[in-house]
Amino acid sequence: KLFYCKFGYYTKCLYFCNGLIKRNSVIVMETLYNKHKILISNVSLRIVRDVMNKISWDKQLVGIRGSRGVGKTTLMRQYIRQKYGTRAGEALYCVMDSMYFTNHTLLDLAEHFHQMGGKHLFLDEVHKYPTWSKEVKEIIDLWPDMKVTFTGSSLLQILNADADLSRRVLSYEMAGLSFREYLRFYKGIELPSYSLDEILAESDFICDSVCKVCTPLPLFNEYLRVGYYPFYDGNEVEYYSRIENVISFIIDQELTLFCGVEPAYTRKLKAMLLYLSENLPYEVNIAKLASYLEINKTTVLSYLSFMDRAELVKLLYTDNKSVTKMQKPDKIYIHNTNMLCALGTQTNIGTLRECFVVNQLSNNHVVEYGKSNGDFKVDGKIIFEVGGRDKSFEQIANIKDSYILADSMEHPIGKKLPLWIVGLLY
């Protein structure tokens, strides 16, 4: 009798606890659904970037990587609103540093969501959840009918993560705004994008088309200062302050998390970035840079590699195919012109021009340092020399497939093309 009574009491307690757990899970899920509705309702659909249509959102596992501030979160929320509306149901949007994950796992969330009929889980800033790769792998194994889409830092490792997702994930890289997108976002000017081959072959037609709808030169100069990140609101001082915050977050948080940089050395990284911005375009002298920072050459090369992956700088080599792990780059640029303006008190116009060309071409092409054969070699065959309106062909006169990208021009003259035209690539 005693055993029966105790067992019966235990069973009742168990049923009661399970009931509390289930009710608590429902309450928590309702909270997440409410947050989903608020966040998705607040996103604007006024302008949606073209990359939206290039992503295969219906695949089971999709990853969108990119530097902080380029618009990954907005893009994901816009897709959810377009596809599923503002109410959570088939879809659920979660930010991975949410308080929910302090006492719940991602696997818990997926299980409850699936039980409630969920079909598509959207995970924003997945790198902020330590065991994300293992649990995402288990989710897609347990529930093959559930789709998972996530965003993450440009430093996010998919191949070498705790659970290798490289064969399962469809991965996309997201960049900041091109010159063409800037015109669309901020000026309401719609222009098509062109391939590099189209730009080189049809530059007359393209420039005529652009000049019919706008005067490109003043708009291009504005883009160089404030056009790359999609959070410019008309206040240049605040815009540069936000860029500095982006830089600090990447160095203080992401490089320490993903690259194992000791927090005590983050000041060295900031000092390196500032030094580079004041001495660009920087033809690399590793010994001089190491002496300035008071660290050894190997550490300097490691830091430069980390900063390149984090999209703070762009490292150029004369031959990308033969680059070794600890090889010094031939030239270094700050990642984009807006970051360069935010870091530098006085920015050289020549540096801005080259920085712009490297940034825009690197999104879909392989860019190498040209050294004695022009400024840049693209895709191993096309040579570009960058300069002002009066730039001559003297340095590249006898080189096949060579072009000049010249500032302060609206129309091409033979193989001398307006600098801004490469801003129409995406």
Protein backbone atom coordinates (compact mmCIF):
# COMPACT_ATOMS: atom_id res chain seq x y z
CA LYS A 1 0.00 0.00 0.00
CA LEU A 2 2.80 2.35 0.92
CA PHE A 3 4.55 1.59 -2.37
CA TYR A 4 1.30 2.10 -4.31
CA CYS A 5 0.62 5.40 -2.57
CA LYS A 6 4.11 6.70 -3.16
CA PHE A 7 4.10 5.52 -6.75
CA GLY A 8 0.70 7.07 -7.33
CA TYR A 9 1.86 10.34 -5.77
CA TYR A 10 5.02 10.27 -7.88
CA THR A 11 2.99 9.64 -11.05
CA LYS A 12 0.65 12.53 -10.28
CA CYS A 13 3.63 14.80 -9.63
CA LEU A 14 5.19 13.70 -12.90
CA TYR A 15 1.99 14.41 -14.83
CA PHE A 16 1.72 17.77 -13.08
CA CYS A 17 5.35 18.69 -13.90
CA ASN A 18 4.96 17.59 -17.50
CA GLY A 19 1.83 19.73 -17.72
CA LEU A 20 3.76 22.72 -16.37
CA ILE A 21 6.57 22.12 -18.85
CA LYS A 22 4.18 21.89 -21.77
CA ARG A 23 2.26 24.97 -20.68
CA ASN A 24 5.54 26.83 -20.13
CA SER A 25 6.76 25.79 -23.61
CA VAL A 26 3.54 27.07 -25.15
CA ILE A 27 3.91 30.37 -23.30
CA VAL A 28 7.55 30.71 -24.39
CA MET A 29 6.65 29.89 -28.00
CA GLU A 30 3.87 32.47 -27.89
CA THR A 31 6.45 35.03 -26.70
CA LEU A 32 8.74 34.14 -29.62
CA TYR A 33 5.78 34.36 -32.02
CA ASN A 34 4.93 37.82 -30.68
CA LYS A 35 8.54 38.97 -31.14
CA HIS A 36 8.47 37.54 -34.65
CA LYS A 37 5.34 39.53 -35.48
CA ILE A 38 6.78 42.80 -34.14
CA LEU A 39 10.13 42.43 -35.93
CA ILE A 40 8.67 41.32 -39.27
CA SER A 41 5.92 43.98 -39.18
CA ASN A 42 8.50 46.74 -38.70
CA VAL A 43 10.60 45.90 -41.77
CA SER A 44 10.03 48.05 -44.84
CA LEU A 45 9.47 46.55 -48.29
CA ARG A 46 9.97 49.86 -50.07
CA ILE A 47 13.28 48.74 -51.56
CA VAL A 48 14.39 45.12 -51.73
CA ARG A 49 17.89 44.27 -52.96
CA ASP A 50 18.32 42.12 -56.08
CA VAL A 51 20.20 39.47 -54.11
CA MET A 52 16.77 38.47 -52.72
CA ASN A 53 15.95 36.82 -56.05
CA LYS A 54 19.33 35.11 -56.33
CA ILE A 55 18.95 33.12 -53.12
CA SER A 56 17.29 29.68 -53.33
CA TRP A 57 15.23 30.14 -50.19
CA ASP A 58 13.38 26.83 -50.65
CA LYS A 59 16.47 24.67 -50.14
CA GLN A 60 16.59 22.81 -46.83
CA LEU A 61 19.66 24.61 -45.50
CA VAL A 62 20.68 28.09 -46.65
CA GLY A 63 23.40 30.30 -45.17
CA ILE A 64 23.89 34.02 -45.81
CA ARG A 65 27.24 35.40 -44.70
CA GLY A 66 28.54 38.93 -44.78
CA SER A 67 30.20 41.69 -42.84
CA ARG A 68 28.30 43.43 -40.07
CA GLY A 69 26.08 46.25 -41.34
CA VAL A 70 25.60 45.17 -44.98
CA GLY A 71 21.89 44.32 -44.55
CA LYS A 72 21.62 40.55 -43.92
CA THR A 73 19.01 40.92 -41.19
CA THR A 74 16.84 43.29 -43.23
CA LEU A 75 16.98 40.98 -46.25
CA MET A 76 15.89 37.96 -44.19
CA ARG A 77 13.01 39.84 -42.57
CA GLN A 78 11.88 41.20 -45.94
CA TYR A 79 11.76 37.71 -47.40
CA ILE A 80 9.71 36.41 -44.46
CA ARG A 81 7.22 39.26 -44.81
CA GLN A 82 6.91 38.74 -48.57
CA LYS A 83 6.59 34.95 -48.38
CA TYR A 84 4.78 34.29 -45.10
CA GLY A 85 3.31 37.61 -43.96
CA THR A 86 3.83 39.08 -40.51
CA ARG A 87 2.31 36.35 -38.34
CA ALA A 88 4.40 33.41 -37.19
CA GLY A 89 3.08 30.00 -38.12
CA GLU A 90 4.83 28.13 -40.90
CA ALA A 91 7.81 30.45 -40.44
CA LEU A 92 9.57 31.64 -37.29
CA TYR A 93 12.30 34.29 -37.08
CA CYS A 94 14.70 34.21 -34.11
CA VAL A 95 17.74 36.29 -33.19
CA MET A 96 20.30 33.90 -31.73
CA ASP A 97 21.36 36.13 -28.85
CA SER A 98 17.76 36.20 -27.59
CA MET A 99 17.15 35.64 -23.84
CA TYR A 100 15.22 32.50 -24.82
CA PHE A 101 18.49 30.69 -25.46
CA THR A 102 19.81 31.28 -21.94
CA ASN A 103 17.73 28.31 -20.70
CA HIS A 104 16.59 26.62 -23.92
CA THR A 105 18.51 24.98 -26.73
CA LEU A 106 18.09 25.53 -30.45
CA LEU A 107 17.05 21.89 -30.66
CA ASP A 108 14.27 22.54 -28.09
CA LEU A 109 13.02 25.43 -30.19
CA ALA A 110 13.01 23.38 -33.40
CA GLU A 111 11.15 20.50 -31.74
CA HIS A 112 8.38 22.72 -30.34
CA PHE A 113 8.16 24.68 -33.58
CA HIS A 114 7.83 21.47 -35.61
CA GLN A 115 5.15 20.13 -33.25
CA MET A 116 3.15 23.31 -33.82
CA GLY A 117 3.27 22.88 -37.59
CA GLY A 118 6.34 24.99 -38.32
CA LYS A 119 8.04 24.53 -41.67
CA HIS A 120 10.77 27.18 -42.02
CA LEU A 121 13.09 28.32 -39.24
CA PHE A 122 15.04 31.57 -39.73
CA LEU A 123 18.07 32.04 -37.46
CA ASP A 124 19.66 35.49 -37.43
CA GLU A 125 23.29 35.94 -36.36
CA VAL A 126 23.72 32.22 -35.81
CA HIS A 127 27.37 32.69 -34.80
CA LYS A 128 26.17 34.07 -31.45
CA TYR A 129 24.99 30.58 -30.48
CA PRO A 130 28.06 28.44 -29.59
CA THR A 131 26.88 24.99 -30.77
CA TRP A 132 24.88 26.18 -33.75
CA SER A 133 26.43 23.85 -36.35
CA LYS A 134 25.88 20.64 -34.37
CA GLU A 135 22.28 21.49 -33.55
CA VAL A 136 21.42 22.70 -37.05
CA LYS A 137 22.78 19.42 -38.43
CA GLU A 138 20.64 17.45 -35.98
CA ILE A 139 17.56 19.52 -36.84
CA ILE A 140 17.76 18.80 -40.55
CA ASP A 141 18.46 15.12 -39.80
CA LEU A 142 15.50 14.76 -37.40
CA TRP A 143 12.98 16.75 -39.43
CA PRO A 144 13.73 16.53 -43.16
CA ASP A 145 10.57 18.51 -43.94
CA MET A 146 11.86 21.56 -42.04
CA LYS A 147 13.91 24.25 -43.78
CA VAL A 148 16.55 26.28 -41.94
CA THR A 149 17.92 29.61 -43.18
CA PHE A 150 20.60 31.39 -41.19
CA THR A 151 22.72 34.53 -41.35
CA GLY A 152 26.20 34.88 -39.93
CA SER A 153 29.43 36.82 -39.88
CA SER A 154 31.76 36.80 -42.89
CA LEU A 155 34.15 34.97 -40.53
CA LEU A 156 31.66 32.13 -39.97
CA GLN A 157 33.31 28.78 -40.71
CA ILE A 158 30.95 26.31 -42.39
CA LEU A 159 33.57 23.85 -43.59
CA ASN A 160 35.56 23.65 -40.35
CA ALA A 161 32.72 24.12 -37.86
CA ASP A 162 32.02 21.54 -35.13
CA ALA A 163 29.67 19.76 -37.55
CA ASP A 164 30.76 20.00 -41.18
CA LEU A 165 27.79 21.44 -43.07
CA SER A 166 29.68 22.23 -46.28
CA ARG A 167 28.00 19.44 -48.29
CA ARG A 168 24.53 20.37 -47.08
CA VAL A 169 24.39 24.14 -46.93
CA LEU A 170 23.83 26.44 -49.89
CA SER A 171 25.99 29.41 -48.94
CA TYR A 172 25.78 33.01 -50.17
CA GLU A 173 28.06 35.99 -49.57
CA MET A 174 26.41 39.39 -49.16
CA ALA A 175 28.22 42.66 -49.87
CA GLY A 176 27.35 46.28 -49.16
CA LEU A 177 25.63 48.51 -51.70
CA SER A 178 27.12 48.94 -55.15
CA PHE A 179 26.98 52.36 -56.81
CA ARG A 180 23.96 51.15 -58.80
CA GLU A 181 22.16 50.01 -55.63
CA TYR A 182 22.99 53.29 -53.91
CA LEU A 183 21.26 55.17 -56.76
CA ARG A 184 18.24 52.94 -56.32
CA PHE A 185 18.11 53.09 -52.50
CA TYR A 186 18.73 56.77 -51.97
CA LYS A 187 17.93 58.53 -55.25
CA GLY A 188 15.11 56.43 -56.69
CA ILE A 189 17.09 55.87 -59.91
CA GLU A 190 16.55 52.43 -61.43
CA LEU A 191 19.42 51.02 -63.50
CA PRO A 192 20.13 47.45 -64.63
CA SER A 193 23.28 45.62 -63.60
CA TYR A 194 25.84 44.58 -66.22
CA SER A 195 28.50 41.89 -66.42
CA LEU A 196 32.12 42.97 -66.74
CA ASP A 197 32.17 41.72 -70.35
CA GLU A 198 29.12 43.86 -71.15
CA ILE A 199 30.72 46.91 -69.54
CA LEU A 200 33.90 46.51 -71.57
CA ALA A 201 32.07 45.84 -74.84
CA GLU A 202 29.12 48.25 -74.55
CA SER A 203 30.43 51.12 -72.45
CA ASP A 204 29.16 53.80 -74.87
CA PHE A 205 25.60 52.49 -74.75
CA ILE A 206 25.67 51.98 -70.96
CA CYS A 207 27.02 55.47 -70.22
CA ASP A 208 24.46 57.06 -72.57
CA SER A 209 21.67 55.19 -70.77
CA VAL A 210 22.87 56.33 -67.34
CA CYS A 211 23.40 59.96 -68.38
CA LYS A 212 19.83 60.12 -69.70
CA VAL A 213 18.40 59.55 -66.22
CA CYS A 214 20.98 61.26 -63.97
CA THR A 215 24.24 63.19 -63.77
CA PRO A 216 26.54 60.44 -62.44
CA LEU A 217 29.63 62.35 -61.29
CA PRO A 218 28.28 64.23 -58.23
CA LEU A 219 26.28 61.15 -57.22
CA PHE A 220 29.37 58.99 -57.54
CA ASN A 221 31.42 61.33 -55.34
CA GLU A 222 28.66 61.11 -52.77
CA TYR A 223 28.65 57.31 -52.97
CA LEU A 224 32.38 57.19 -52.27
CA ARG A 225 31.73 58.98 -48.96
CA VAL A 226 28.41 57.58 -47.75
CA GLY A 227 27.03 54.96 -50.15
CA TYR A 228 28.32 51.51 -49.20
CA TYR A 229 26.34 50.71 -46.04
CA PRO A 230 22.52 50.81 -46.19
CA PHE A 231 22.14 52.80 -42.97
CA TYR A 232 23.03 56.33 -44.10
CA ASP A 233 20.27 58.72 -42.95
CA GLY A 234 21.64 62.05 -44.17
CA ASN A 235 23.92 62.76 -41.21
CA GLU A 236 27.51 62.09 -42.26
CA VAL A 237 28.98 62.43 -38.75
CA GLU A 238 26.57 59.87 -37.30
CA TYR A 239 27.11 57.59 -40.29
CA TYR A 240 30.87 57.51 -39.75
CA SER A 241 30.31 56.96 -36.04
CA ARG A 242 28.22 53.89 -36.84
CA ILE A 243 30.94 52.60 -39.16
CA GLU A 244 33.46 52.99 -36.33
CA ASN A 245 31.09 50.99 -34.12
CA VAL A 246 30.94 48.28 -36.79
CA ILE A 247 34.75 48.16 -36.90
CA SER A 248 35.03 47.98 -33.10
CA PHE A 249 32.45 45.19 -32.91
CA ILE A 250 34.23 43.12 -35.56
CA ILE A 251 37.60 43.50 -33.84
CA ASP A 252 36.46 43.24 -30.22
CA GLN A 253 33.85 40.51 -30.64
CA GLU A 254 34.15 38.59 -33.90
CA LEU A 255 37.92 38.35 -34.23
CA THR A 256 38.24 37.19 -30.64
CA LEU A 257 35.42 34.66 -31.14
CA PHE A 258 36.34 33.23 -34.55
CA CYS A 259 40.08 33.82 -34.86
CA GLY A 260 41.25 33.35 -31.29
CA VAL A 261 42.67 36.86 -30.98
CA GLU A 262 43.38 37.62 -27.34
CA PRO A 263 41.24 40.55 -26.08
CA ALA A 264 44.43 42.25 -24.89
CA TYR A 265 45.62 42.48 -28.51
CA THR A 266 42.51 44.07 -30.04
CA ARG A 267 44.07 47.51 -29.56
CA LYS A 268 46.96 46.38 -31.76
CA LEU A 269 44.49 45.46 -34.50
CA LYS A 270 42.80 48.85 -34.29
CA ALA A 271 46.18 50.57 -34.38
CA MET A 272 47.12 48.51 -37.44
CA LEU A 273 43.91 49.43 -39.24
CA LEU A 274 44.38 53.11 -38.47
CA TYR A 275 48.02 52.97 -39.60
CA LEU A 276 47.01 51.34 -42.88
CA SER A 277 44.27 53.90 -43.52
CA GLU A 278 46.78 56.72 -43.15
CA ASN A 279 49.40 55.09 -45.42
CA LEU A 280 47.29 53.68 -48.26
CA PRO A 281 47.67 52.30 -50.81
CA TYR A 282 50.14 50.40 -48.67
CA GLU A 283 52.94 48.51 -50.41
CA VAL A 284 53.67 46.09 -47.67
CA ASN A 285 56.76 46.30 -45.52
CA ILE A 286 56.03 43.72 -42.84
CA ALA A 287 59.17 44.52 -40.83
CA LYS A 288 58.22 48.20 -40.65
CA LEU A 289 54.62 47.38 -39.69
CA ALA A 290 55.78 44.89 -37.03
CA SER A 291 58.16 47.48 -35.58
CA TYR A 292 55.40 50.11 -35.45
CA LEU A 293 53.01 47.74 -33.65
CA GLU A 294 55.73 46.15 -31.49
CA ILE A 295 54.73 42.60 -32.47
CA ASN A 296 56.51 39.93 -34.53
CA LYS A 297 56.18 39.49 -38.29
CA THR A 298 54.26 36.20 -38.09
CA THR A 299 51.63 37.80 -35.86
CA VAL A 300 51.33 40.74 -38.26
CA LEU A 301 50.65 38.37 -41.17
CA SER A 302 48.09 36.44 -39.12
CA TYR A 303 46.31 39.67 -38.13
CA LEU A 304 46.24 40.84 -41.74
CA SER A 305 44.70 37.54 -42.82
CA PHE A 306 42.04 37.80 -40.09
CA MET A 307 41.21 41.38 -41.08
CA ASP A 308 40.89 40.37 -44.72
CA ARG A 309 38.43 37.59 -43.84
CA ALA A 310 36.52 40.01 -41.61
CA GLU A 311 36.20 42.46 -44.54
CA LEU A 312 38.14 45.22 -42.83
CA VAL A 313 40.93 45.21 -45.42
CA LYS A 314 41.54 43.70 -48.83
CA LEU A 315 44.87 41.97 -49.43
CA LEU A 316 46.14 41.83 -53.00
CA TYR A 317 48.77 39.45 -54.38
CA THR A 318 50.47 39.36 -57.78
CA ASP A 319 49.45 35.72 -58.25
CA ASN A 320 46.53 34.36 -56.22
CA LYS A 321 47.12 30.76 -57.31
CA SER A 322 50.55 30.55 -55.69
CA VAL A 323 49.71 32.33 -52.43
CA THR A 324 50.94 30.48 -49.35
CA LYS A 325 49.51 30.78 -45.86
CA MET A 326 52.16 33.09 -44.43
CA GLN A 327 53.05 34.96 -47.62
CA LYS A 328 53.02 38.71 -47.33
CA PRO A 329 50.52 40.53 -49.57
CA ASP A 330 51.81 42.88 -52.26
CA LYS A 331 49.31 45.63 -51.51
CA ILE A 332 46.69 46.39 -48.87
CA TYR A 333 43.51 48.42 -49.16
CA ILE A 334 40.82 49.28 -46.63
CA HIS A 335 37.76 47.20 -47.54
CA ASN A 336 35.51 49.99 -48.86
CA THR A 337 35.66 53.74 -49.44
CA ASN A 338 33.18 54.63 -46.70
CA MET A 339 35.25 52.80 -44.10
CA LEU A 340 38.34 54.57 -45.43
CA CYS A 341 36.62 57.96 -45.06
CA ALA A 342 35.48 57.08 -41.54
CA LEU A 343 39.03 56.14 -40.51
CA GLY A 344 41.08 58.80 -42.29
CA THR A 345 41.11 62.52 -41.55
CA GLN A 346 42.39 63.35 -45.04
CA THR A 347 41.76 60.76 -47.74
CA ASN A 348 43.80 60.88 -50.94
CA ILE A 349 41.60 60.87 -54.07
CA GLY A 350 43.88 58.36 -55.78
CA THR A 351 43.49 55.96 -52.87
CA LEU A 352 39.70 56.37 -52.93
CA ARG A 353 39.59 55.54 -56.64
CA GLU A 354 41.65 52.36 -56.28
CA CYS A 355 39.79 51.30 -53.13
CA PHE A 356 36.48 51.64 -55.00
CA VAL A 357 37.67 49.57 -57.97
CA VAL A 358 39.04 46.77 -55.77
CA ASN A 359 35.87 46.68 -53.66
CA GLN A 360 33.42 46.56 -56.56
CA LEU A 361 35.36 44.09 -58.69
CA SER A 362 36.17 41.72 -55.79
CA ASN A 363 32.50 40.91 -55.25
CA ASN A 364 32.32 38.59 -58.30
CA HIS A 365 35.83 38.56 -59.75
CA VAL A 366 39.40 37.62 -58.82
CA VAL A 367 41.48 40.78 -58.42
CA GLU A 368 45.28 40.67 -58.34
CA TYR A 369 47.89 43.38 -57.97
CA GLY A 370 49.17 44.34 -61.42
CA LYS A 371 52.58 45.52 -60.25
CA SER A 372 54.42 46.63 -63.43
CA ASN A 373 51.49 45.72 -65.70
CA GLY A 374 48.81 48.22 -64.69
CA ASP A 375 47.26 48.65 -61.27
CA PHE A 376 45.08 45.52 -61.25
CA LYS A 377 44.71 42.25 -63.10
CA VAL A 378 41.16 40.84 -63.10
CA ASP A 379 40.33 37.16 -63.65
CA GLY A 380 43.92 36.61 -64.75
CA LYS A 381 43.54 38.42 -68.09
CA ILE A 382 42.07 41.97 -67.93
CA ILE A 383 44.39 44.83 -66.96
CA PHE A 384 43.09 48.03 -65.39
CA GLU A 385 44.96 51.26 -64.78
CA VAL A 386 43.14 53.68 -62.47
CA GLY A 387 43.54 57.45 -62.45
CA GLY A 388 42.15 60.87 -63.25
CA ARG A 389 40.69 62.21 -66.46
CA ASP A 390 44.17 62.88 -67.96
CA LYS A 391 45.52 59.40 -67.28
CA SER A 392 47.47 58.12 -70.31
CA PHE A 393 48.00 54.62 -71.73
CA GLU A 394 51.78 54.92 -71.40
CA GLN A 395 52.10 52.20 -68.73
CA ILE A 396 49.81 49.70 -70.47
CA ALA A 397 50.25 50.71 -74.12
CA ASN A 398 51.35 47.29 -75.43
CA ILE A 399 49.28 45.08 -73.14
CA LYS A 400 46.36 43.15 -74.58
CA ASP A 401 42.95 43.52 -72.86
CA SER A 402 44.04 46.65 -71.00
CA TYR A 403 41.79 49.55 -70.01
CA ILE A 404 41.89 52.80 -68.07
CA LEU A 405 39.25 53.56 -65.44
CA ALA A 406 39.29 57.36 -65.23
CA ASP A 407 37.63 59.67 -62.73
CA SER A 408 35.67 62.82 -63.71
CA MET A 409 34.36 61.32 -66.96
CA GLU A 410 30.76 60.72 -68.01
CA HIS A 411 31.43 59.03 -71.36
CA PRO A 412 34.17 56.63 -72.53
CA ILE A 413 36.88 57.53 -74.99
CA GLY A 414 37.95 54.30 -76.66
CA LYS A 415 39.32 52.01 -73.93
CA LYS A 416 39.35 54.80 -71.35
CA LEU A 417 36.16 54.21 -69.33
CA PRO A 418 34.48 56.28 -66.61
CA LEU A 419 35.54 55.04 -63.17
CA TRP A 420 31.96 54.82 -61.89
CA ILE A 421 30.92 52.30 -64.53
CA VAL A 422 32.28 49.35 -62.50
CA GLY A 423 29.73 50.33 -59.85
CA LEU A 424 27.05 48.81 -62.09
CA LEU A 425 28.33 45.23 -61.74
CA TYR A 426 25.75 44.18 -59.11
